[in-house]
Amino acid sequence: MKEFIASINKTLALVLATLTLSWVIGFGLTAGFVMALEVWKRVVEITSRHL
């Protein structure tokens, strides 16, 4: 029974770590995409003024 509980705890820890990692990566990608979009808007604004 103790071994069973220990294996459940290990599995839960692994799932939690995986979820946290995927969330961090997803958040990083989203933030990066939003920042790239903002930079692109600025570039378009500046170039359209010069033309």
N, C-alpha and C. Protein backbone atom coordinates (compact mmCIF):
# COMPACT_ATOMS: atom_id res chain seq x y z
N MET A 1 0.84 -1.21 0.00
CA MET A 1 0.00 0.00 0.00
C MET A 1 0.87 1.26 0.00
N LYS A 2 1.93 1.28 0.81
CA LYS A 2 2.83 2.44 0.87
C LYS A 2 3.48 2.68 -0.50
N GLU A 3 3.89 1.58 -1.15
CA GLU A 3 4.52 1.71 -2.47
C GLU A 3 3.54 2.29 -3.49
N PHE A 4 2.28 1.89 -3.37
CA PHE A 4 1.23 2.38 -4.27
C PHE A 4 1.06 3.89 -4.12
N ILE A 5 0.98 4.34 -2.87
CA ILE A 5 0.84 5.78 -2.59
C ILE A 5 2.07 6.55 -3.08
N ALA A 6 3.25 5.97 -2.87
CA ALA A 6 4.48 6.60 -3.31
C ALA A 6 4.50 6.75 -4.83
N SER A 7 4.02 5.73 -5.54
CA SER A 7 4.01 5.80 -7.00
C SER A 7 3.00 6.84 -7.49
N ILE A 8 1.87 6.97 -6.78
CA ILE A 8 0.87 7.99 -7.13
C ILE A 8 1.48 9.38 -6.93
N ASN A 9 2.18 9.57 -5.81
CA ASN A 9 2.82 10.85 -5.54
C ASN A 9 3.85 11.21 -6.61
N LYS A 10 4.63 10.21 -7.04
CA LYS A 10 5.63 10.44 -8.10
C LYS A 10 4.94 10.84 -9.39
N THR A 11 3.85 10.14 -9.73
CA THR A 11 3.11 10.43 -10.95
C THR A 11 2.53 11.84 -10.90
N LEU A 12 1.94 12.20 -9.76
CA LEU A 12 1.36 13.54 -9.60
C LEU A 12 2.43 14.62 -9.74
N ALA A 13 3.57 14.38 -9.12
CA ALA A 13 4.68 15.34 -9.20
C ALA A 13 5.13 15.52 -10.64
N LEU A 14 5.20 14.40 -11.37
CA LEU A 14 5.62 14.43 -12.77
C LEU A 14 4.61 15.19 -13.63
N VAL A 15 3.32 14.92 -13.41
CA VAL A 15 2.26 15.60 -14.15
C VAL A 15 2.29 17.10 -13.87
N LEU A 16 2.46 17.44 -12.59
CA LEU A 16 2.50 18.84 -12.19
C LEU A 16 3.68 19.56 -12.84
N ALA A 17 4.85 18.90 -12.82
CA ALA A 17 6.04 19.48 -13.43
C ALA A 17 5.85 19.68 -14.94
N THR A 18 5.23 18.69 -15.59
CA THR A 18 4.98 18.78 -17.03
C THR A 18 4.02 19.92 -17.36
N LEU A 19 2.95 20.02 -16.58
CA LEU A 19 1.97 21.08 -16.78
C LEU A 19 2.59 22.46 -16.58
N THR A 20 3.39 22.59 -15.51
CA THR A 20 4.04 23.86 -15.22
C THR A 20 4.98 24.25 -16.36
N LEU A 21 5.75 23.28 -16.83
CA LEU A 21 6.70 23.53 -17.91
C LEU A 21 5.97 23.95 -19.19
N SER A 22 4.90 23.22 -19.53
CA SER A 22 4.16 23.55 -20.75
C SER A 22 3.49 24.92 -20.63
N TRP A 23 3.02 25.25 -19.41
CA TRP A 23 2.39 26.55 -19.19
C TRP A 23 3.42 27.67 -19.36
N VAL A 24 4.61 27.46 -18.78
CA VAL A 24 5.69 28.46 -18.88
C VAL A 24 6.09 28.67 -20.34
N ILE A 25 6.24 27.56 -21.08
CA ILE A 25 6.61 27.66 -22.50
C ILE A 25 5.51 28.36 -23.28
N GLY A 26 4.27 27.96 -23.03
CA GLY A 26 3.13 28.58 -23.71
C GLY A 26 3.04 30.06 -23.43
N PHE A 27 3.24 30.43 -22.16
CA PHE A 27 3.19 31.83 -21.77
C PHE A 27 4.31 32.62 -22.44
N GLY A 28 5.50 32.02 -22.48
CA GLY A 28 6.65 32.67 -23.11
C GLY A 28 6.41 32.91 -24.59
N LEU A 29 5.85 31.91 -25.27
CA LEU A 29 5.56 32.03 -26.70
C LEU A 29 4.52 33.11 -26.94
N THR A 30 3.46 33.11 -26.10
CA THR A 30 2.39 34.10 -26.25
C THR A 30 2.93 35.52 -26.04
N ALA A 31 3.70 35.70 -24.97
CA ALA A 31 4.28 37.01 -24.68
C ALA A 31 5.21 37.45 -25.81
N GLY A 32 6.02 36.50 -26.31
CA GLY A 32 6.93 36.81 -27.41
C GLY A 32 6.18 37.21 -28.66
N PHE A 33 5.07 36.51 -28.93
CA PHE A 33 4.26 36.80 -30.11
C PHE A 33 3.64 38.19 -30.00
N VAL A 34 3.09 38.51 -28.82
CA VAL A 34 2.46 39.82 -28.59
C VAL A 34 3.50 40.93 -28.74
N MET A 35 4.70 40.72 -28.18
CA MET A 35 5.76 41.72 -28.29
C MET A 35 6.17 41.91 -29.74
N ALA A 36 6.30 40.81 -30.48
CA ALA A 36 6.67 40.89 -31.89
C ALA A 36 5.62 41.67 -32.67
N LEU A 37 4.36 41.45 -32.33
CA LEU A 37 3.25 42.14 -32.99
C LEU A 37 3.33 43.65 -32.73
N GLU A 38 3.61 44.02 -31.48
CA GLU A 38 3.74 45.44 -31.12
C GLU A 38 4.91 46.09 -31.88
N VAL A 39 6.04 45.39 -31.92
CA VAL A 39 7.21 45.91 -32.63
C VAL A 39 6.87 46.08 -34.11
N TRP A 40 6.18 45.09 -34.70
CA TRP A 40 5.79 45.15 -36.11
C TRP A 40 4.90 46.36 -36.38
N LYS A 41 3.94 46.63 -35.47
CA LYS A 41 3.05 47.80 -35.62
C LYS A 41 3.86 49.09 -35.64
N ARG A 42 4.83 49.19 -34.71
CA ARG A 42 5.68 50.38 -34.63
C ARG A 42 6.46 50.56 -35.92
N VAL A 43 7.05 49.47 -36.42
CA VAL A 43 7.84 49.51 -37.64
C VAL A 43 6.99 49.98 -38.81
N VAL A 44 5.78 49.46 -38.90
CA VAL A 44 4.85 49.85 -39.97
C VAL A 44 4.50 51.35 -39.85
N GLU A 45 4.25 51.80 -38.62
CA GLU A 45 3.94 53.21 -38.40
C GLU A 45 5.09 54.10 -38.87
N ILE A 46 6.31 53.77 -38.46
CA ILE A 46 7.48 54.58 -38.79
C ILE A 46 7.73 54.57 -40.30
N THR A 47 7.67 53.41 -40.92
CA THR A 47 7.94 53.33 -42.36
C THR A 47 6.85 54.02 -43.18
N SER A 48 5.61 53.95 -42.73
CA SER A 48 4.53 54.58 -43.48
C SER A 48 4.63 56.12 -43.38
N ARG A 49 5.17 56.62 -42.30
CA ARG A 49 5.39 58.06 -42.16
C ARG A 49 6.45 58.55 -43.14
N HIS A 50 7.49 57.73 -43.32
CA HIS A 50 8.60 58.12 -44.19
C HIS A 50 8.23 58.06 -45.66
N LEU A 51 7.28 57.19 -46.02
CA LEU A 51 6.92 57.05 -47.42
C LEU A 51 6.02 58.18 -47.89
